[in-house]
Amino acid sequence: MTTDFQKAATDVKNLNSQPSNDELLELYGLYKIANGEKIENADKPGMFDLKGKAKYNQWQKLVNDGVTKADAEKKYVELVGSLKQKYGFKG
């Protein structure tokens, strides 16, 4: 994990406003891949866990798209940077 990624993971918690659901899902999927977590080892969410399913599906989509750990770190840092500009940042 790069220092930039670790800083972005901390900074995202200090945005002035909460990102949209789509932005949060993108952050989640990128974070999981960048963190080296394997979707094959994750439990599938239950039928009525709509939020869990959305997160799992986003993660799976990124895996299917071939996003590597290094790609995910870079994209996560870039996304957090754009969210800091869009929503403001307490830091």
PDB file of N, CA and C in Angstrom:
ATOM      1  N   MET A   1       0.839  -1.183   0.000  1.00  0.00           N
ATOM      2  CA  MET A   1       0.000   0.000   0.000  1.00  0.00           C
ATOM      3  C   MET A   1       0.885   1.248   0.000  1.00  0.00           C
ATOM      4  N   THR A   2       0.597   2.150  -0.905  1.00  0.00           N
ATOM      5  CA  THR A   2       1.393   3.372  -0.988  1.00  0.00           C
ATOM      6  C   THR A   2       0.966   4.384   0.067  1.00  0.00           C
ATOM      7  N   THR A   3       1.865   5.307   0.333  1.00  0.00           N
ATOM      8  CA  THR A   3       1.571   6.385   1.278  1.00  0.00           C
ATOM      9  C   THR A   3       0.415   7.241   0.766  1.00  0.00           C
ATOM     10  N   ASP A   4       0.397   7.489  -0.544  1.00  0.00           N
ATOM     11  CA  ASP A   4      -0.693   8.288  -1.137  1.00  0.00           C
ATOM     12  C   ASP A   4      -2.045   7.614  -0.914  1.00  0.00           C
ATOM     13  N   PHE A   5      -2.067   6.292  -1.082  1.00  0.00           N
ATOM     14  CA  PHE A   5      -3.320   5.550  -0.875  1.00  0.00           C
ATOM     15  C   PHE A   5      -3.752   5.634   0.581  1.00  0.00           C
ATOM     16  N   GLN A   6      -2.826   5.448   1.494  1.00  0.00           N
ATOM     17  CA  GLN A   6      -3.157   5.514   2.923  1.00  0.00           C
ATOM     18  C   GLN A   6      -3.673   6.895   3.298  1.00  0.00           C
ATOM     19  N   LYS A   7      -3.047   7.933   2.744  1.00  0.00           N
ATOM     20  CA  LYS A   7      -3.507   9.299   3.018  1.00  0.00           C
ATOM     21  C   LYS A   7      -4.902   9.517   2.446  1.00  0.00           C
ATOM     22  N   ALA A   8      -5.147   9.029   1.232  1.00  0.00           N
ATOM     23  CA  ALA A   8      -6.468   9.180   0.607  1.00  0.00           C
ATOM     24  C   ALA A   8      -7.531   8.447   1.426  1.00  0.00           C
ATOM     25  N   ALA A   9      -7.195   7.265   1.950  1.00  0.00           N
ATOM     26  CA  ALA A   9      -8.140   6.497   2.756  1.00  0.00           C
ATOM     27  C   ALA A   9      -8.500   7.244   4.037  1.00  0.00           C
ATOM     28  N   THR A  10      -7.575   8.017   4.557  1.00  0.00           N
ATOM     29  CA  THR A  10      -7.842   8.843   5.741  1.00  0.00           C
ATOM     30  C   THR A  10      -8.610  10.104   5.339  1.00  0.00           C
ATOM     31  N   ASP A  11      -8.167  10.745   4.264  1.00  0.00           N
ATOM     32  CA  ASP A  11      -8.783  12.002   3.821  1.00  0.00           C
ATOM     33  C   ASP A  11     -10.254  11.840   3.461  1.00  0.00           C
ATOM     34  N   VAL A  12     -10.622  10.700   2.880  1.00  0.00           N
ATOM     35  CA  VAL A  12     -11.998  10.511   2.419  1.00  0.00           C
ATOM     36  C   VAL A  12     -12.985  10.581   3.596  1.00  0.00           C
ATOM     37  N   LYS A  13     -12.499  10.316   4.791  1.00  0.00           N
ATOM     38  CA  LYS A  13     -13.360  10.375   5.984  1.00  0.00           C
ATOM     39  C   LYS A  13     -13.588  11.805   6.448  1.00  0.00           C
ATOM     40  N   ASN A  14     -12.866  12.758   5.853  1.00  0.00           N
ATOM     41  CA  ASN A  14     -12.958  14.153   6.279  1.00  0.00           C
ATOM     42  C   ASN A  14     -13.516  15.081   5.208  1.00  0.00           C
ATOM     43  N   LEU A  15     -14.319  14.537   4.317  1.00  0.00           N
ATOM     44  CA  LEU A  15     -14.980  15.381   3.318  1.00  0.00           C
ATOM     45  C   LEU A  15     -16.071  16.192   4.006  1.00  0.00           C
ATOM     46  N   ASN A  16     -16.361  17.370   3.484  1.00  0.00           N
ATOM     47  CA  ASN A  16     -17.389  18.222   4.082  1.00  0.00           C
ATOM     48  C   ASN A  16     -18.797  17.666   3.894  1.00  0.00           C
ATOM     49  N   SER A  17     -19.010  16.912   2.831  1.00  0.00           N
ATOM     50  CA  SER A  17     -20.306  16.299   2.561  1.00  0.00           C
ATOM     51  C   SER A  17     -20.086  14.853   2.155  1.00  0.00           C
ATOM     52  N   GLN A  18     -21.120  14.053   2.337  1.00  0.00           N
ATOM     53  CA  GLN A  18     -21.016  12.648   1.948  1.00  0.00           C
ATOM     54  C   GLN A  18     -21.149  12.512   0.432  1.00  0.00           C
ATOM     55  N   PRO A  19     -20.261  11.740  -0.181  1.00  0.00           N
ATOM     56  CA  PRO A  19     -20.360  11.502  -1.626  1.00  0.00           C
ATOM     57  C   PRO A  19     -21.658  10.775  -1.982  1.00  0.00           C
ATOM     58  N   SER A  20     -21.982  10.761  -3.267  1.00  0.00           N
ATOM     59  CA  SER A  20     -23.177  10.066  -3.741  1.00  0.00           C
ATOM     60  C   SER A  20     -23.009   8.561  -3.545  1.00  0.00           C
ATOM     61  N   ASN A  21     -24.110   7.842  -3.638  1.00  0.00           N
ATOM     62  CA  ASN A  21     -24.052   6.386  -3.491  1.00  0.00           C
ATOM     63  C   ASN A  21     -23.137   5.758  -4.535  1.00  0.00           C
ATOM     64  N   ASP A  22     -23.203   6.236  -5.773  1.00  0.00           N
ATOM     65  CA  ASP A  22     -22.339   5.695  -6.828  1.00  0.00           C
ATOM     66  C   ASP A  22     -20.864   5.936  -6.513  1.00  0.00           C
ATOM     67  N   GLU A  23     -20.565   7.121  -6.012  1.00  0.00           N
ATOM     68  CA  GLU A  23     -19.177   7.432  -5.646  1.00  0.00           C
ATOM     69  C   GLU A  23     -18.717   6.558  -4.479  1.00  0.00           C
ATOM     70  N   LEU A  24     -19.599   6.360  -3.506  1.00  0.00           N
ATOM     71  CA  LEU A  24     -19.254   5.502  -2.370  1.00  0.00           C
ATOM     72  C   LEU A  24     -19.016   4.062  -2.804  1.00  0.00           C
ATOM     73  N   LEU A  25     -19.832   3.574  -3.735  1.00  0.00           N
ATOM     74  CA  LEU A  25     -19.651   2.214  -4.239  1.00  0.00           C
ATOM     75  C   LEU A  25     -18.319   2.077  -4.973  1.00  0.00           C
ATOM     76  N   GLU A  26     -17.974   3.079  -5.769  1.00  0.00           N
ATOM     77  CA  GLU A  26     -16.695   3.056  -6.483  1.00  0.00           C
ATOM     78  C   GLU A  26     -15.532   3.049  -5.486  1.00  0.00           C
ATOM     79  N   LEU A  27     -15.628   3.905  -4.473  1.00  0.00           N
ATOM     80  CA  LEU A  27     -14.598   3.930  -3.430  1.00  0.00           C
ATOM     81  C   LEU A  27     -14.459   2.566  -2.757  1.00  0.00           C
ATOM     82  N   TYR A  28     -15.587   1.963  -2.441  1.00  0.00           N
ATOM     83  CA  TYR A  28     -15.596   0.665  -1.761  1.00  0.00           C
ATOM     84  C   TYR A  28     -14.890  -0.401  -2.599  1.00  0.00           C
ATOM     85  N   GLY A  29     -15.284  -0.510  -3.858  1.00  0.00           N
ATOM     86  CA  GLY A  29     -14.700  -1.532  -4.723  1.00  0.00           C
ATOM     87  C   GLY A  29     -13.209  -1.329  -4.918  1.00  0.00           C
ATOM     88  N   LEU A  30     -12.809  -0.087  -5.158  1.00  0.00           N
ATOM     89  CA  LEU A  30     -11.385   0.203  -5.345  1.00  0.00           C
ATOM     90  C   LEU A  30     -10.600  -0.076  -4.062  1.00  0.00           C
ATOM     91  N   TYR A  31     -11.169   0.292  -2.928  1.00  0.00           N
ATOM     92  CA  TYR A  31     -10.496   0.074  -1.647  1.00  0.00           C
ATOM     93  C   TYR A  31     -10.268  -1.420  -1.401  1.00  0.00           C
ATOM     94  N   LYS A  32     -11.291  -2.224  -1.659  1.00  0.00           N
ATOM     95  CA  LYS A  32     -11.178  -3.664  -1.435  1.00  0.00           C
ATOM     96  C   LYS A  32     -10.057  -4.266  -2.285  1.00  0.00           C
ATOM     97  N   ILE A  33      -9.989  -3.874  -3.552  1.00  0.00           N
ATOM     98  CA  ILE A  33      -8.953  -4.402  -4.443  1.00  0.00           C
ATOM     99  C   ILE A  33      -7.577  -3.880  -4.026  1.00  0.00           C
ATOM    100  N   ALA A  34      -7.480  -2.579  -3.763  1.00  0.00           N
ATOM    101  CA  ALA A  34      -6.203  -1.975  -3.373  1.00  0.00           C
ATOM    102  C   ALA A  34      -5.679  -2.565  -2.068  1.00  0.00           C
ATOM    103  N   ASN A  35      -6.584  -2.980  -1.223  1.00  0.00           N
ATOM    104  CA  ASN A  35      -6.225  -3.556   0.069  1.00  0.00           C
ATOM    105  C   ASN A  35      -5.803  -5.023  -0.069  1.00  0.00           C
ATOM    106  N   GLY A  36      -5.915  -5.554  -1.278  1.00  0.00           N
ATOM    107  CA  GLY A  36      -5.489  -6.931  -1.529  1.00  0.00           C
ATOM    108  C   GLY A  36      -6.502  -7.986  -1.138  1.00  0.00           C
ATOM    109  N   GLU A  37      -7.743  -7.566  -0.896  1.00  0.00           N
ATOM    110  CA  GLU A  37      -8.774  -8.534  -0.520  1.00  0.00           C
ATOM    111  C   GLU A  37      -9.270  -9.260  -1.766  1.00  0.00           C
ATOM    112  N   LYS A  38      -9.537 -10.533  -1.618  1.00  0.00           N
ATOM    113  CA  LYS A  38      -9.994 -11.369  -2.730  1.00  0.00           C
ATOM    114  C   LYS A  38     -11.493 -11.580  -2.639  1.00  0.00           C
ATOM    115  N   ILE A  39     -12.194 -11.293  -3.718  1.00  0.00           N
ATOM    116  CA  ILE A  39     -13.649 -11.444  -3.721  1.00  0.00           C
ATOM    117  C   ILE A  39     -14.048 -12.908  -3.560  1.00  0.00           C
ATOM    118  N   GLU A  40     -13.174 -13.807  -3.996  1.00  0.00           N
ATOM    119  CA  GLU A  40     -13.466 -15.240  -3.876  1.00  0.00           C
ATOM    120  C   GLU A  40     -13.581 -15.673  -2.410  1.00  0.00           C
ATOM    121  N   ASN A  41     -12.920 -14.931  -1.524  1.00  0.00           N
ATOM    122  CA  ASN A  41     -12.928 -15.266  -0.097  1.00  0.00           C
ATOM    123  C   ASN A  41     -14.042 -14.557   0.679  1.00  0.00           C
ATOM    124  N   ALA A  42     -14.746 -13.671   0.015  1.00  0.00           N
ATOM    125  CA  ALA A  42     -15.798 -12.892   0.679  1.00  0.00           C
ATOM    126  C   ALA A  42     -17.118 -13.651   0.663  1.00  0.00           C
ATOM    127  N   ASP A  43     -17.859 -13.512   1.741  1.00  0.00           N
ATOM    128  CA  ASP A  43     -19.199 -14.091   1.793  1.00  0.00           C
ATOM    129  C   ASP A  43     -20.128 -13.250   0.921  1.00  0.00           C
ATOM    130  N   LYS A  44     -20.977 -13.930   0.162  1.00  0.00           N
ATOM    131  CA  LYS A  44     -21.975 -13.206  -0.622  1.00  0.00           C
ATOM    132  C   LYS A  44     -23.043 -12.669   0.328  1.00  0.00           C
ATOM    133  N   PRO A  45     -23.509 -11.441   0.077  1.00  0.00           N
ATOM    134  CA  PRO A  45     -24.552 -10.884   0.939  1.00  0.00           C
ATOM    135  C   PRO A  45     -25.874 -11.635   0.767  1.00  0.00           C
ATOM    136  N   GLY A  46     -26.677 -11.585   1.809  1.00  0.00           N
ATOM    137  CA  GLY A  46     -27.974 -12.242   1.780  1.00  0.00           C
ATOM    138  C   GLY A  46     -28.933 -11.575   0.815  1.00  0.00           C
ATOM    139  N   MET A  47     -30.012 -12.273   0.529  1.00  0.00           N
ATOM    140  CA  MET A  47     -30.992 -11.820  -0.447  1.00  0.00           C
ATOM    141  C   MET A  47     -31.597 -10.453  -0.101  1.00  0.00           C
ATOM    142  N   PHE A  48     -31.769 -10.181   1.173  1.00  0.00           N
ATOM    143  CA  PHE A  48     -32.420  -8.934   1.586  1.00  0.00           C
ATOM    144  C   PHE A  48     -31.421  -7.838   1.957  1.00  0.00           C
ATOM    145  N   ASP A  49     -30.143  -8.117   1.815  1.00  0.00           N
ATOM    146  CA  ASP A  49     -29.097  -7.139   2.121  1.00  0.00           C
ATOM    147  C   ASP A  49     -28.785  -6.351   0.846  1.00  0.00           C
ATOM    148  N   LEU A  50     -29.632  -5.390   0.536  1.00  0.00           N
ATOM    149  CA  LEU A  50     -29.504  -4.639  -0.709  1.00  0.00           C
ATOM    150  C   LEU A  50     -28.227  -3.801  -0.751  1.00  0.00           C
ATOM    151  N   LYS A  51     -27.888  -3.176   0.358  1.00  0.00           N
ATOM    152  CA  LYS A  51     -26.665  -2.376   0.414  1.00  0.00           C
ATOM    153  C   LYS A  51     -25.439  -3.276   0.239  1.00  0.00           C
ATOM    154  N   GLY A  52     -25.432  -4.407   0.927  1.00  0.00           N
ATOM    155  CA  GLY A  52     -24.331  -5.357   0.810  1.00  0.00           C
ATOM    156  C   GLY A  52     -24.189  -5.900  -0.603  1.00  0.00           C
ATOM    157  N   LYS A  53     -25.332  -6.160  -1.251  1.00  0.00           N
ATOM    158  CA  LYS A  53     -25.313  -6.661  -2.625  1.00  0.00           C
ATOM    159  C   LYS A  53     -24.732  -5.620  -3.585  1.00  0.00           C
ATOM    160  N   ALA A  54     -25.116  -4.368  -3.394  1.00  0.00           N
ATOM    161  CA  ALA A  54     -24.613  -3.298  -4.258  1.00  0.00           C
ATOM    162  C   ALA A  54     -23.094  -3.166  -4.115  1.00  0.00           C
ATOM    163  N   LYS A  55     -22.609  -3.236  -2.881  1.00  0.00           N
ATOM    164  CA  LYS A  55     -21.168  -3.148  -2.640  1.00  0.00           C
ATOM    165  C   LYS A  55     -20.441  -4.339  -3.251  1.00  0.00           C
ATOM    166  N   TYR A  56     -20.968  -5.519  -3.041  1.00  0.00           N
ATOM    167  CA  TYR A  56     -20.372  -6.744  -3.570  1.00  0.00           C
ATOM    168  C   TYR A  56     -20.356  -6.704  -5.103  1.00  0.00           C
ATOM    169  N   ASN A  57     -21.459  -6.284  -5.693  1.00  0.00           N
ATOM    170  CA  ASN A  57     -21.553  -6.226  -7.152  1.00  0.00           C
ATOM    171  C   ASN A  57     -20.565  -5.225  -7.755  1.00  0.00           C
ATOM    172  N   GLN A  58     -20.366  -4.099  -7.086  1.00  0.00           N
ATOM    173  CA  GLN A  58     -19.394  -3.114  -7.568  1.00  0.00           C
ATOM    174  C   GLN A  58     -17.988  -3.694  -7.505  1.00  0.00           C
ATOM    175  N   TRP A  59     -17.672  -4.347  -6.420  1.00  0.00           N
ATOM    176  CA  TRP A  59     -16.365  -4.981  -6.245  1.00  0.00           C
ATOM    177  C   TRP A  59     -16.165  -6.030  -7.345  1.00  0.00           C
ATOM    178  N   GLN A  60     -17.181  -6.857  -7.581  1.00  0.00           N
ATOM    179  CA  GLN A  60     -17.109  -7.900  -8.606  1.00  0.00           C
ATOM    180  C   GLN A  60     -16.921  -7.289  -9.991  1.00  0.00           C
ATOM    181  N   LYS A  61     -17.620  -6.182 -10.265  1.00  0.00           N
ATOM    182  CA  LYS A  61     -17.506  -5.511 -11.568  1.00  0.00           C
ATOM    183  C   LYS A  61     -16.069  -5.067 -11.805  1.00  0.00           C
ATOM    184  N   LEU A  62     -15.450  -4.477 -10.797  1.00  0.00           N
ATOM    185  CA  LEU A  62     -14.069  -4.018 -10.943  1.00  0.00           C
ATOM    186  C   LEU A  62     -13.116  -5.197 -11.142  1.00  0.00           C
ATOM    187  N   VAL A  63     -13.357  -6.290 -10.422  1.00  0.00           N
ATOM    188  CA  VAL A  63     -12.544  -7.499 -10.597  1.00  0.00           C
ATOM    189  C   VAL A  63     -12.701  -8.015 -12.022  1.00  0.00           C
ATOM    190  N   ASN A  64     -13.942  -8.071 -12.501  1.00  0.00           N
ATOM    191  CA  ASN A  64     -14.221  -8.548 -13.861  1.00  0.00           C
ATOM    192  C   ASN A  64     -13.583  -7.644 -14.921  1.00  0.00           C
ATOM    193  N   ASP A  65     -13.479  -6.348 -14.602  1.00  0.00           N
ATOM    194  CA  ASP A  65     -12.864  -5.394 -15.528  1.00  0.00           C
ATOM    195  C   ASP A  65     -11.341  -5.504 -15.532  1.00  0.00           C
ATOM    196  N   GLY A  66     -10.802  -6.346 -14.663  1.00  0.00           N
ATOM    197  CA  GLY A  66      -9.360  -6.570 -14.628  1.00  0.00           C
ATOM    198  C   GLY A  66      -8.569  -5.519 -13.874  1.00  0.00           C
ATOM    199  N   VAL A  67      -9.208  -4.800 -12.959  1.00  0.00           N
ATOM    200  CA  VAL A  67      -8.516  -3.772 -12.185  1.00  0.00           C
ATOM    201  C   VAL A  67      -7.518  -4.453 -11.249  1.00  0.00           C
ATOM    202  N   THR A  68      -6.251  -4.064 -11.365  1.00  0.00           N
ATOM    203  CA  THR A  68      -5.204  -4.640 -10.526  1.00  0.00           C
ATOM    204  C   THR A  68      -5.093  -3.855  -9.216  1.00  0.00           C
ATOM    205  N   LYS A  69      -4.326  -4.394  -8.291  1.00  0.00           N
ATOM    206  CA  LYS A  69      -4.096  -3.727  -7.007  1.00  0.00           C
ATOM    207  C   LYS A  69      -3.494  -2.333  -7.237  1.00  0.00           C
ATOM    208  N   ALA A  70      -2.486  -2.254  -8.095  1.00  0.00           N
ATOM    209  CA  ALA A  70      -1.838  -0.967  -8.388  1.00  0.00           C
ATOM    210  C   ALA A  70      -2.801   0.001  -9.070  1.00  0.00           C
ATOM    211  N   ASP A  71      -3.602  -0.507 -10.019  1.00  0.00           N
ATOM    212  CA  ASP A  71      -4.611   0.337 -10.688  1.00  0.00           C
ATOM    213  C   ASP A  71      -5.614   0.869  -9.675  1.00  0.00           C
ATOM    214  N   ALA A  72      -6.060  -0.007  -8.783  1.00  0.00           N
ATOM    215  CA  ALA A  72      -7.067   0.374  -7.797  1.00  0.00           C
ATOM    216  C   ALA A  72      -6.536   1.455  -6.865  1.00  0.00           C
ATOM    217  N   GLU A  73      -5.288   1.318  -6.436  1.00  0.00           N
ATOM    218  CA  GLU A  73      -4.690   2.345  -5.564  1.00  0.00           C
ATOM    219  C   GLU A  73      -4.661   3.686  -6.278  1.00  0.00           C
ATOM    220  N   LYS A  74      -4.197   3.673  -7.528  1.00  0.00           N
ATOM    221  CA  LYS A  74      -4.083   4.917  -8.301  1.00  0.00           C
ATOM    222  C   LYS A  74      -5.461   5.550  -8.520  1.00  0.00           C
ATOM    223  N   LYS A  75      -6.440   4.739  -8.922  1.00  0.00           N
ATOM    224  CA  LYS A  75      -7.784   5.259  -9.171  1.00  0.00           C
ATOM    225  C   LYS A  75      -8.438   5.766  -7.877  1.00  0.00           C
ATOM    226  N   TYR A  76      -8.186   5.074  -6.767  1.00  0.00           N
ATOM    227  CA  TYR A  76      -8.742   5.484  -5.479  1.00  0.00           C
ATOM    228  C   TYR A  76      -8.194   6.864  -5.097  1.00  0.00           C
ATOM    229  N   VAL A  77      -6.886   7.034  -5.212  1.00  0.00           N
ATOM    230  CA  VAL A  77      -6.253   8.316  -4.880  1.00  0.00           C
ATOM    231  C   VAL A  77      -6.810   9.426  -5.774  1.00  0.00           C
ATOM    232  N   GLU A  78      -6.955   9.148  -7.065  1.00  0.00           N
ATOM    233  CA  GLU A  78      -7.503  10.147  -7.999  1.00  0.00           C
ATOM    234  C   GLU A  78      -8.951  10.481  -7.666  1.00  0.00           C
ATOM    235  N   LEU A  79      -9.740   9.466  -7.342  1.00  0.00           N
ATOM    236  CA  LEU A  79     -11.150   9.691  -7.012  1.00  0.00           C
ATOM    237  C   LEU A  79     -11.278  10.520  -5.739  1.00  0.00           C
ATOM    238  N   VAL A  80     -10.498  10.189  -4.724  1.00  0.00           N
ATOM    239  CA  VAL A  80     -10.552  10.963  -3.476  1.00  0.00           C
ATOM    240  C   VAL A  80     -10.142  12.409  -3.747  1.00  0.00           C
ATOM    241  N   GLY A  81      -9.142  12.611  -4.586  1.00  0.00           N
ATOM    242  CA  GLY A  81      -8.730  13.972  -4.946  1.00  0.00           C
ATOM    243  C   GLY A  81      -9.860  14.751  -5.592  1.00  0.00           C
ATOM    244  N   SER A  82     -10.583  14.116  -6.506  1.00  0.00           N
ATOM    245  CA  SER A  82     -11.694  14.808  -7.161  1.00  0.00           C
ATOM    246  C   SER A  82     -12.855  15.038  -6.182  1.00  0.00           C
ATOM    247  N   LEU A  83     -13.061  14.108  -5.259  1.00  0.00           N
ATOM    248  CA  LEU A  83     -14.131  14.290  -4.254  1.00  0.00           C
ATOM    249  C   LEU A  83     -13.786  15.415  -3.289  1.00  0.00           C
ATOM    250  N   LYS A  84     -12.513  15.576  -2.975  1.00  0.00           N
ATOM    251  CA  LYS A  84     -12.094  16.677  -2.092  1.00  0.00           C
ATOM    252  C   LYS A  84     -12.386  18.020  -2.765  1.00  0.00           C
ATOM    253  N   GLN A  85     -12.171  18.098  -4.071  1.00  0.00           N
ATOM    254  CA  GLN A  85     -12.484  19.331  -4.788  1.00  0.00           C
ATOM    255  C   GLN A  85     -13.985  19.548  -4.886  1.00  0.00           C
ATOM    256  N   LYS A  86     -14.725  18.483  -5.119  1.00  0.00           N
ATOM    257  CA  LYS A  86     -16.166  18.576  -5.307  1.00  0.00           C
ATOM    258  C   LYS A  86     -16.900  18.904  -4.006  1.00  0.00           C
ATOM    259  N   TYR A  87     -16.530  18.238  -2.904  1.00  0.00           N
ATOM    260  CA  TYR A  87     -17.276  18.357  -1.655  1.00  0.00           C
ATOM    261  C   TYR A  87     -16.577  19.200  -0.592  1.00  0.00           C
ATOM    262  N   GLY A  88     -15.337  19.557  -0.814  1.00  0.00           N
ATOM    263  CA  GLY A  88     -14.582  20.265   0.202  1.00  0.00           C
ATOM    264  C   GLY A  88     -14.003  19.268   1.195  1.00  0.00           C
ATOM    265  N   PHE A  89     -13.050  19.768   1.970  1.00  0.00           N
ATOM    266  CA  PHE A  89     -12.269  18.880   2.825  1.00  0.00           C
ATOM    267  C   PHE A  89     -11.932  19.583   4.135  1.00  0.00           C
ATOM    268  N   LYS A  90     -12.144  18.875   5.240  1.00  0.00           N
ATOM    269  CA  LYS A  90     -11.810  19.400   6.576  1.00  0.00           C
ATOM    270  C   LYS A  90     -10.404  18.920   6.940  1.00  0.00           C
ATOM    271  N   GLY A  91      -9.396  19.509   6.398  1.00  0.00           N
ATOM    272  CA  GLY A  91      -8.061  19.015   6.721  1.00  0.00           C
ATOM    273  C   GLY A  91      -7.024  19.908   6.352  1.00  0.00           C
TER     274      GLY A  91
END
